[in-house]
N, C-alpha and C. Protein backbone atom coordinates (compact mmCIF):
# COMPACT_ATOMS: atom_id res chain seq x y z
N MET A 1 -21.62 29.34 -1.57
CA MET A 1 -21.41 28.13 -2.25
C MET A 1 -21.82 26.96 -1.34
N LYS A 2 -21.25 27.01 -0.16
CA LYS A 2 -21.54 25.90 0.77
C LYS A 2 -23.03 25.79 1.08
N ARG A 3 -23.75 26.92 1.11
CA ARG A 3 -25.27 26.92 1.39
C ARG A 3 -25.91 26.23 0.21
N ASN A 4 -25.55 26.39 -0.95
CA ASN A 4 -26.23 25.80 -2.12
C ASN A 4 -26.04 24.33 -2.08
N LYS A 5 -24.78 23.83 -1.76
CA LYS A 5 -24.55 22.35 -1.58
C LYS A 5 -25.39 21.80 -0.46
N TYR A 6 -25.53 22.54 0.62
CA TYR A 6 -26.34 22.06 1.79
C TYR A 6 -27.82 21.93 1.32
N ILE A 7 -28.34 22.94 0.70
CA ILE A 7 -29.69 22.88 0.26
C ILE A 7 -29.89 21.81 -0.78
N THR A 8 -29.01 21.59 -1.70
CA THR A 8 -29.14 20.45 -2.66
C THR A 8 -29.09 19.13 -2.00
N LEU A 9 -28.15 18.93 -1.03
CA LEU A 9 -28.09 17.70 -0.32
C LEU A 9 -29.32 17.42 0.48
N MET A 10 -29.89 18.44 1.24
CA MET A 10 -31.16 18.26 1.95
C MET A 10 -32.35 17.93 1.01
N SER A 11 -32.39 18.48 -0.15
CA SER A 11 -33.43 18.24 -1.10
C SER A 11 -33.34 16.84 -1.54
N VAL A 12 -32.13 16.39 -1.83
CA VAL A 12 -31.97 14.99 -2.35
C VAL A 12 -32.31 14.01 -1.22
N LEU A 13 -31.95 14.29 -0.06
CA LEU A 13 -32.30 13.38 1.12
C LEU A 13 -33.74 13.27 1.36
N SER A 14 -34.48 14.53 1.25
CA SER A 14 -35.87 14.59 1.46
C SER A 14 -36.62 13.74 0.29
N LEU A 15 -36.21 13.94 -0.88
CA LEU A 15 -36.80 13.21 -1.97
C LEU A 15 -36.57 11.63 -1.85
N LEU A 16 -35.38 11.30 -1.44
CA LEU A 16 -35.00 9.92 -1.20
C LEU A 16 -35.92 9.37 -0.11
N THR A 17 -36.02 10.08 1.00
CA THR A 17 -36.85 9.56 2.07
C THR A 17 -38.31 9.41 1.68
N LEU A 18 -38.80 10.39 0.94
CA LEU A 18 -40.18 10.33 0.46
C LEU A 18 -40.31 9.18 -0.49
N ALA A 19 -39.39 8.91 -1.37
CA ALA A 19 -39.51 7.77 -2.22
C ALA A 19 -39.55 6.46 -1.52
N VAL A 20 -38.62 6.26 -0.56
CA VAL A 20 -38.47 5.07 0.23
C VAL A 20 -39.83 4.80 1.04
N CYS A 21 -40.33 5.82 1.60
CA CYS A 21 -41.51 5.73 2.48
C CYS A 21 -42.75 5.36 1.68
N SER A 22 -42.95 6.04 0.53
CA SER A 22 -44.11 5.79 -0.32
C SER A 22 -44.06 4.39 -1.00
N GLY A 23 -42.84 3.85 -1.21
CA GLY A 23 -42.66 2.66 -1.80
C GLY A 23 -42.92 1.45 -0.92
N CYS A 24 -42.82 1.73 0.43
CA CYS A 24 -42.97 0.66 1.40
C CYS A 24 -44.40 0.61 1.98
N MET A 25 -45.25 1.44 1.60
CA MET A 25 -46.57 1.43 2.15
C MET A 25 -47.37 0.25 1.65
N GLU A 26 -48.11 -0.34 2.51
CA GLU A 26 -48.92 -1.51 2.19
C GLU A 26 -50.38 -1.14 2.49
N LYS A 27 -51.29 -1.62 1.74
CA LYS A 27 -52.69 -1.47 2.07
C LYS A 27 -53.00 -2.03 3.52
N ALA A 28 -53.82 -1.32 4.24
CA ALA A 28 -54.15 -1.83 5.61
C ALA A 28 -54.89 -3.15 5.46
N PHE A 29 -55.79 -3.21 4.53
CA PHE A 29 -56.64 -4.44 4.35
C PHE A 29 -56.46 -4.96 2.90
N PRO A 30 -55.91 -6.14 2.71
CA PRO A 30 -55.69 -6.60 1.30
C PRO A 30 -56.94 -6.82 0.54
N ASN A 31 -58.10 -7.17 1.16
CA ASN A 31 -59.31 -7.39 0.43
C ASN A 31 -60.37 -6.47 0.96
N ASP A 32 -60.50 -5.26 0.19
CA ASP A 32 -61.45 -4.32 0.62
C ASP A 32 -62.88 -4.74 0.65
N ASP A 33 -63.22 -5.73 -0.35
CA ASP A 33 -64.57 -6.11 -0.39
C ASP A 33 -64.89 -6.98 0.84
N LEU A 34 -64.12 -7.79 1.33
CA LEU A 34 -64.26 -8.71 2.42
C LEU A 34 -64.24 -7.96 3.77
N ASP A 35 -63.35 -7.11 3.93
CA ASP A 35 -63.16 -6.43 5.27
C ASP A 35 -64.23 -5.53 5.55
N TYR A 36 -65.16 -6.06 6.39
CA TYR A 36 -66.36 -5.21 6.87
C TYR A 36 -67.00 -6.01 7.96
N TYR A 37 -68.15 -5.54 8.36
CA TYR A 37 -69.04 -6.27 9.29
C TYR A 37 -70.17 -6.81 8.49
N TRP A 38 -70.43 -8.13 8.56
CA TRP A 38 -71.45 -8.83 7.80
C TRP A 38 -72.47 -9.50 8.68
N ARG A 39 -73.75 -9.39 8.32
CA ARG A 39 -74.77 -10.01 9.04
C ARG A 39 -75.19 -11.29 8.37
N LEU A 40 -75.09 -12.46 9.08
CA LEU A 40 -75.54 -13.76 8.52
C LEU A 40 -77.10 -13.78 8.34
N ASP A 41 -77.59 -13.82 7.13
CA ASP A 41 -79.07 -13.94 6.95
C ASP A 41 -79.63 -15.37 6.84
N ARG A 42 -78.82 -16.28 6.24
CA ARG A 42 -79.33 -17.56 5.93
C ARG A 42 -78.23 -18.59 5.86
N ILE A 43 -78.53 -19.75 6.42
CA ILE A 43 -77.66 -20.94 6.28
C ILE A 43 -78.40 -21.92 5.44
N GLU A 44 -77.88 -22.30 4.33
CA GLU A 44 -78.50 -23.33 3.47
C GLU A 44 -77.69 -24.67 3.61
N TYR A 45 -78.31 -25.77 3.74
CA TYR A 45 -77.66 -26.99 3.93
C TYR A 45 -77.66 -27.74 2.55
N ARG A 46 -76.55 -28.02 2.06
CA ARG A 46 -76.38 -28.55 0.61
C ARG A 46 -77.15 -29.97 0.47
N ASP A 47 -77.06 -30.78 1.48
CA ASP A 47 -77.68 -32.14 1.29
C ASP A 47 -79.07 -32.18 1.94
N GLY A 48 -79.58 -31.08 2.43
CA GLY A 48 -80.93 -31.09 2.94
C GLY A 48 -81.01 -31.61 4.34
N VAL A 49 -79.88 -31.69 5.04
CA VAL A 49 -79.83 -32.32 6.38
C VAL A 49 -78.90 -31.31 7.20
N ASN A 50 -79.39 -30.87 8.40
CA ASN A 50 -78.54 -29.96 9.14
C ASN A 50 -77.47 -30.77 9.93
N PHE A 51 -76.66 -30.15 10.69
CA PHE A 51 -75.57 -30.80 11.41
C PHE A 51 -75.99 -31.77 12.40
N GLN A 52 -77.16 -31.65 12.92
CA GLN A 52 -77.70 -32.65 13.86
C GLN A 52 -78.32 -33.87 13.23
N GLY A 53 -78.42 -33.87 11.91
CA GLY A 53 -78.97 -34.99 11.14
C GLY A 53 -80.44 -34.86 10.83
N ALA A 54 -81.00 -33.76 11.29
CA ALA A 54 -82.47 -33.57 10.98
C ALA A 54 -82.70 -32.96 9.60
N PRO A 55 -83.73 -33.36 8.91
CA PRO A 55 -84.06 -32.78 7.56
C PRO A 55 -84.21 -31.31 7.70
N CYS A 56 -83.48 -30.50 6.82
CA CYS A 56 -83.53 -29.11 6.95
C CYS A 56 -82.97 -28.50 5.65
N GLU A 57 -83.63 -27.83 4.87
CA GLU A 57 -82.95 -27.16 3.65
C GLU A 57 -82.23 -25.84 4.03
N TYR A 58 -82.82 -25.10 4.84
CA TYR A 58 -82.18 -23.82 5.22
C TYR A 58 -82.66 -23.35 6.62
N LYS A 59 -81.93 -22.39 7.17
CA LYS A 59 -82.21 -21.79 8.50
C LYS A 59 -82.04 -20.28 8.27
N ASP A 60 -83.14 -19.52 8.45
CA ASP A 60 -82.92 -18.05 8.56
C ASP A 60 -82.35 -17.66 9.89
N VAL A 61 -81.41 -16.72 9.85
CA VAL A 61 -80.63 -16.33 11.03
C VAL A 61 -80.79 -14.84 11.19
N ASP A 62 -80.96 -14.41 12.46
CA ASP A 62 -81.05 -12.92 12.63
C ASP A 62 -80.12 -12.39 13.79
N ASN A 63 -79.29 -13.19 14.35
CA ASN A 63 -78.51 -12.70 15.49
C ASN A 63 -77.06 -13.09 15.43
N ILE A 64 -76.48 -13.37 14.24
CA ILE A 64 -75.12 -13.72 14.08
C ILE A 64 -74.38 -12.80 13.14
N MET A 65 -73.27 -12.23 13.59
CA MET A 65 -72.45 -11.25 12.88
C MET A 65 -71.12 -11.80 12.65
N PHE A 66 -70.62 -11.53 11.45
CA PHE A 66 -69.14 -11.89 11.17
C PHE A 66 -68.47 -10.52 10.91
N GLY A 67 -67.31 -10.41 11.42
CA GLY A 67 -66.44 -9.22 11.13
C GLY A 67 -65.10 -9.69 10.63
N PHE A 68 -64.79 -9.15 9.52
CA PHE A 68 -63.48 -9.46 8.84
C PHE A 68 -62.53 -8.22 8.78
N ALA A 69 -61.37 -8.48 9.21
CA ALA A 69 -60.34 -7.38 9.17
C ALA A 69 -58.92 -8.02 9.18
N ARG A 70 -58.24 -7.68 8.07
CA ARG A 70 -56.97 -8.25 7.70
C ARG A 70 -56.97 -9.79 7.67
N HIS A 71 -56.39 -10.50 8.63
CA HIS A 71 -56.35 -11.90 8.64
C HIS A 71 -57.10 -12.51 9.81
N ILE A 72 -58.15 -11.85 10.33
CA ILE A 72 -58.83 -12.17 11.52
C ILE A 72 -60.32 -12.10 11.12
N VAL A 73 -61.05 -13.10 11.69
CA VAL A 73 -62.51 -13.11 11.64
C VAL A 73 -63.05 -13.16 13.04
N LEU A 74 -64.08 -12.31 13.31
CA LEU A 74 -64.78 -12.35 14.62
C LEU A 74 -66.18 -12.69 14.32
N ILE A 75 -66.61 -13.65 15.01
CA ILE A 75 -68.01 -14.10 14.96
C ILE A 75 -68.77 -13.67 16.27
N GLU A 76 -69.76 -12.92 16.14
CA GLU A 76 -70.62 -12.54 17.32
C GLU A 76 -71.90 -13.32 17.33
N ALA A 77 -72.09 -14.31 18.15
CA ALA A 77 -73.23 -15.15 18.29
C ALA A 77 -73.55 -15.48 19.76
N PRO A 78 -74.78 -15.67 20.03
CA PRO A 78 -75.14 -16.00 21.43
C PRO A 78 -74.40 -17.25 21.89
N GLY A 79 -73.71 -17.19 23.03
CA GLY A 79 -73.14 -18.37 23.62
C GLY A 79 -71.77 -18.64 22.97
N LEU A 80 -71.16 -17.79 22.06
CA LEU A 80 -69.88 -18.10 21.54
C LEU A 80 -68.79 -17.25 22.18
N SER A 81 -68.03 -17.79 23.02
CA SER A 81 -67.07 -17.01 23.75
C SER A 81 -65.66 -16.96 23.05
N GLN A 82 -65.28 -18.01 22.43
CA GLN A 82 -63.97 -17.94 21.68
C GLN A 82 -64.31 -17.64 20.23
N SER A 83 -64.44 -16.39 19.97
CA SER A 83 -65.03 -15.97 18.66
C SER A 83 -64.09 -15.48 17.62
N HIS A 84 -62.71 -15.31 17.96
CA HIS A 84 -61.78 -14.82 17.02
C HIS A 84 -61.09 -16.00 16.33
N GLY A 85 -61.04 -15.94 15.03
CA GLY A 85 -60.37 -17.01 14.22
C GLY A 85 -59.45 -16.30 13.23
N ILE A 86 -58.72 -17.16 12.51
CA ILE A 86 -57.70 -16.75 11.59
C ILE A 86 -58.24 -16.96 10.17
N THR A 87 -58.10 -16.00 9.25
CA THR A 87 -58.53 -16.21 7.86
C THR A 87 -57.28 -16.36 7.04
N THR A 88 -57.40 -17.24 6.00
CA THR A 88 -56.43 -17.33 4.96
C THR A 88 -57.15 -17.26 3.63
N GLU A 89 -56.78 -16.26 2.85
CA GLU A 89 -57.48 -16.06 1.58
C GLU A 89 -56.71 -16.61 0.45
N PHE A 90 -57.44 -17.28 -0.47
CA PHE A 90 -56.82 -17.80 -1.71
C PHE A 90 -57.48 -17.06 -2.84
N ALA A 91 -57.26 -17.52 -4.08
CA ALA A 91 -57.73 -16.77 -5.25
C ALA A 91 -59.20 -16.50 -5.22
N ASP A 92 -60.07 -17.53 -4.94
CA ASP A 92 -61.49 -17.28 -4.91
C ASP A 92 -62.19 -17.93 -3.68
N SER A 93 -61.32 -18.29 -2.67
CA SER A 93 -61.85 -18.95 -1.48
C SER A 93 -61.19 -18.38 -0.24
N ILE A 94 -61.81 -18.74 0.86
CA ILE A 94 -61.27 -18.28 2.23
C ILE A 94 -61.33 -19.46 3.13
N LYS A 95 -60.36 -19.58 3.98
CA LYS A 95 -60.38 -20.59 5.07
C LYS A 95 -60.56 -19.88 6.42
N LEU A 96 -61.51 -20.37 7.28
CA LEU A 96 -61.69 -19.80 8.55
C LEU A 96 -61.21 -20.83 9.57
N ASP A 97 -60.17 -20.45 10.38
CA ASP A 97 -59.48 -21.41 11.18
C ASP A 97 -59.72 -21.06 12.71
N TYR A 98 -60.38 -21.93 13.44
CA TYR A 98 -60.62 -21.83 14.80
C TYR A 98 -59.90 -22.85 15.60
N SER A 99 -58.91 -23.59 15.00
CA SER A 99 -58.18 -24.66 15.70
C SER A 99 -57.20 -24.08 16.69
N ILE A 100 -56.96 -22.82 16.72
CA ILE A 100 -56.07 -22.21 17.73
C ILE A 100 -56.57 -22.45 19.12
N TYR A 101 -57.79 -22.63 19.28
CA TYR A 101 -58.42 -22.79 20.72
C TYR A 101 -58.29 -24.21 21.14
N ASN A 102 -58.02 -25.19 20.29
CA ASN A 102 -57.91 -26.56 20.69
C ASN A 102 -59.02 -26.96 21.57
N ASN A 103 -60.30 -26.63 21.20
CA ASN A 103 -61.42 -26.92 22.00
C ASN A 103 -62.46 -27.59 21.15
N PRO A 104 -62.61 -28.96 21.30
CA PRO A 104 -63.53 -29.71 20.39
C PRO A 104 -64.98 -29.27 20.63
N ALA A 105 -65.27 -28.84 21.83
CA ALA A 105 -66.61 -28.45 22.19
C ALA A 105 -67.11 -27.11 21.43
N LEU A 106 -66.05 -26.44 20.91
CA LEU A 106 -66.37 -25.18 20.15
C LEU A 106 -67.05 -25.61 18.82
N THR A 107 -66.84 -26.74 18.29
CA THR A 107 -67.40 -27.19 16.96
C THR A 107 -68.93 -26.99 16.95
N GLY A 108 -69.63 -27.43 18.03
CA GLY A 108 -71.08 -27.27 18.10
C GLY A 108 -71.58 -25.82 17.99
N LYS A 109 -70.86 -24.95 18.65
CA LYS A 109 -71.20 -23.49 18.57
C LYS A 109 -70.93 -22.97 17.18
N LEU A 110 -69.80 -23.41 16.53
CA LEU A 110 -69.50 -22.89 15.19
C LEU A 110 -70.53 -23.53 14.12
N GLN A 111 -71.01 -24.71 14.41
CA GLN A 111 -72.03 -25.31 13.45
C GLN A 111 -73.32 -24.45 13.55
N GLU A 112 -73.68 -23.84 14.70
CA GLU A 112 -74.85 -22.99 14.75
C GLU A 112 -74.58 -21.75 13.87
N CYS A 113 -73.34 -21.41 13.55
CA CYS A 113 -73.01 -20.27 12.72
C CYS A 113 -72.78 -20.68 11.26
N GLY A 114 -72.91 -22.01 10.97
CA GLY A 114 -72.81 -22.45 9.59
C GLY A 114 -71.49 -23.02 9.25
N LEU A 115 -70.49 -23.15 10.17
CA LEU A 115 -69.16 -23.69 9.92
C LEU A 115 -69.23 -25.16 10.35
N ASP A 116 -68.77 -26.01 9.44
CA ASP A 116 -68.96 -27.44 9.68
C ASP A 116 -67.83 -27.99 10.61
N SER A 117 -66.70 -27.30 10.84
CA SER A 117 -65.60 -27.75 11.70
C SER A 117 -64.76 -26.58 12.17
N LEU A 118 -63.76 -26.95 12.97
CA LEU A 118 -62.88 -25.86 13.46
C LEU A 118 -62.13 -25.15 12.34
N VAL A 119 -61.85 -25.91 11.18
CA VAL A 119 -61.24 -25.29 10.10
C VAL A 119 -62.21 -25.54 8.91
N SER A 120 -62.74 -24.47 8.30
CA SER A 120 -63.71 -24.56 7.27
C SER A 120 -63.25 -23.66 6.05
N THR A 121 -63.39 -24.27 4.86
CA THR A 121 -63.09 -23.51 3.57
C THR A 121 -64.27 -23.26 2.82
N PHE A 122 -64.41 -22.05 2.32
CA PHE A 122 -65.55 -21.63 1.58
C PHE A 122 -65.13 -20.94 0.35
N LYS A 123 -65.95 -21.14 -0.73
CA LYS A 123 -65.71 -20.34 -2.04
C LYS A 123 -66.39 -18.92 -1.69
N LEU A 124 -65.69 -17.87 -2.03
CA LEU A 124 -66.02 -16.50 -1.70
C LEU A 124 -66.67 -15.85 -2.93
N GLU A 125 -67.92 -15.28 -2.82
CA GLU A 125 -68.56 -14.59 -3.92
C GLU A 125 -69.21 -13.34 -3.41
N PHE A 126 -69.16 -12.28 -4.26
CA PHE A 126 -69.89 -11.01 -3.96
C PHE A 126 -70.88 -10.76 -5.11
N PRO A 127 -72.14 -11.15 -4.95
CA PRO A 127 -73.10 -10.98 -6.08
C PRO A 127 -73.34 -9.58 -6.31
N ASP A 128 -73.30 -8.69 -5.33
CA ASP A 128 -73.36 -7.22 -5.47
C ASP A 128 -72.63 -6.62 -4.40
N ARG A 129 -72.59 -5.32 -4.32
CA ARG A 129 -71.81 -4.60 -3.28
C ARG A 129 -72.34 -4.75 -1.82
N LYS A 130 -73.57 -5.11 -1.63
CA LYS A 130 -74.13 -5.27 -0.33
C LYS A 130 -74.30 -6.71 0.15
N SER A 131 -73.95 -7.72 -0.58
CA SER A 131 -74.08 -9.06 -0.16
C SER A 131 -72.87 -9.95 -0.50
N MET A 132 -72.79 -10.99 0.29
CA MET A 132 -71.59 -11.91 0.15
C MET A 132 -72.15 -13.29 0.43
N VAL A 133 -71.58 -14.27 -0.38
CA VAL A 133 -71.95 -15.78 -0.25
C VAL A 133 -70.77 -16.60 -0.01
N LEU A 134 -70.78 -17.31 1.04
CA LEU A 134 -69.71 -18.26 1.35
C LEU A 134 -70.25 -19.66 1.07
N SER A 135 -69.72 -20.41 0.08
CA SER A 135 -70.14 -21.73 -0.32
C SER A 135 -69.16 -22.77 0.18
N GLY A 136 -69.57 -23.60 1.13
CA GLY A 136 -68.72 -24.69 1.58
C GLY A 136 -69.19 -26.03 1.09
N LYS A 137 -68.56 -27.14 1.68
CA LYS A 137 -68.92 -28.50 1.25
C LYS A 137 -70.31 -28.88 1.84
N LYS A 138 -70.59 -28.40 2.98
CA LYS A 138 -71.94 -28.72 3.59
C LYS A 138 -72.96 -27.55 3.70
N THR A 139 -72.45 -26.34 3.68
CA THR A 139 -73.31 -25.27 3.79
C THR A 139 -73.07 -24.15 2.82
N VAL A 140 -74.07 -23.30 2.64
CA VAL A 140 -73.96 -22.05 1.87
C VAL A 140 -74.42 -20.92 2.80
N LEU A 141 -73.54 -19.99 3.11
CA LEU A 141 -73.87 -18.87 4.07
C LEU A 141 -74.05 -17.58 3.23
N ARG A 142 -75.24 -16.99 3.48
CA ARG A 142 -75.63 -15.70 2.76
C ARG A 142 -75.60 -14.60 3.70
N PHE A 143 -74.79 -13.57 3.30
CA PHE A 143 -74.61 -12.42 4.26
C PHE A 143 -75.06 -11.11 3.59
N ARG A 144 -75.31 -10.13 4.43
CA ARG A 144 -75.67 -8.75 4.05
C ARG A 144 -74.73 -7.90 4.71
N LYS A 145 -74.17 -6.90 3.95
CA LYS A 145 -73.30 -5.94 4.62
C LYS A 145 -73.97 -5.10 5.64
N TRP A 146 -73.45 -4.97 6.78
CA TRP A 146 -74.09 -4.34 7.91
C TRP A 146 -73.72 -2.85 7.94
């Protein structure tokens, strides 16, 4: 009789542990569409003028990569040493925040990557499974999944 109570108690505890553990699990990445490695293909300037003030409608890019994972963005670009930023996602937009470095000289390097300041907000769109578009106040960034 004691053995049956022990088996029943262990079964209940096992099921309770399983229920608690499965209920507490969170997805590793909240936005599976965004979390990936993206190649920046083109920077389009909304007003037809680049950040240096020269007339320019767009710039094709071939050596800049953006990596998104959880709440971090990594930009790999020539000459960019402080490349990790913080992302904050909203319903249909994303904020890329590089103000953690407190380095005003970083703005010029980020502008080469299409970001207008240390903190930039973009509308986030996925036209298809292999492409992404970030639309900001001054630029539109077109990406291809790598």
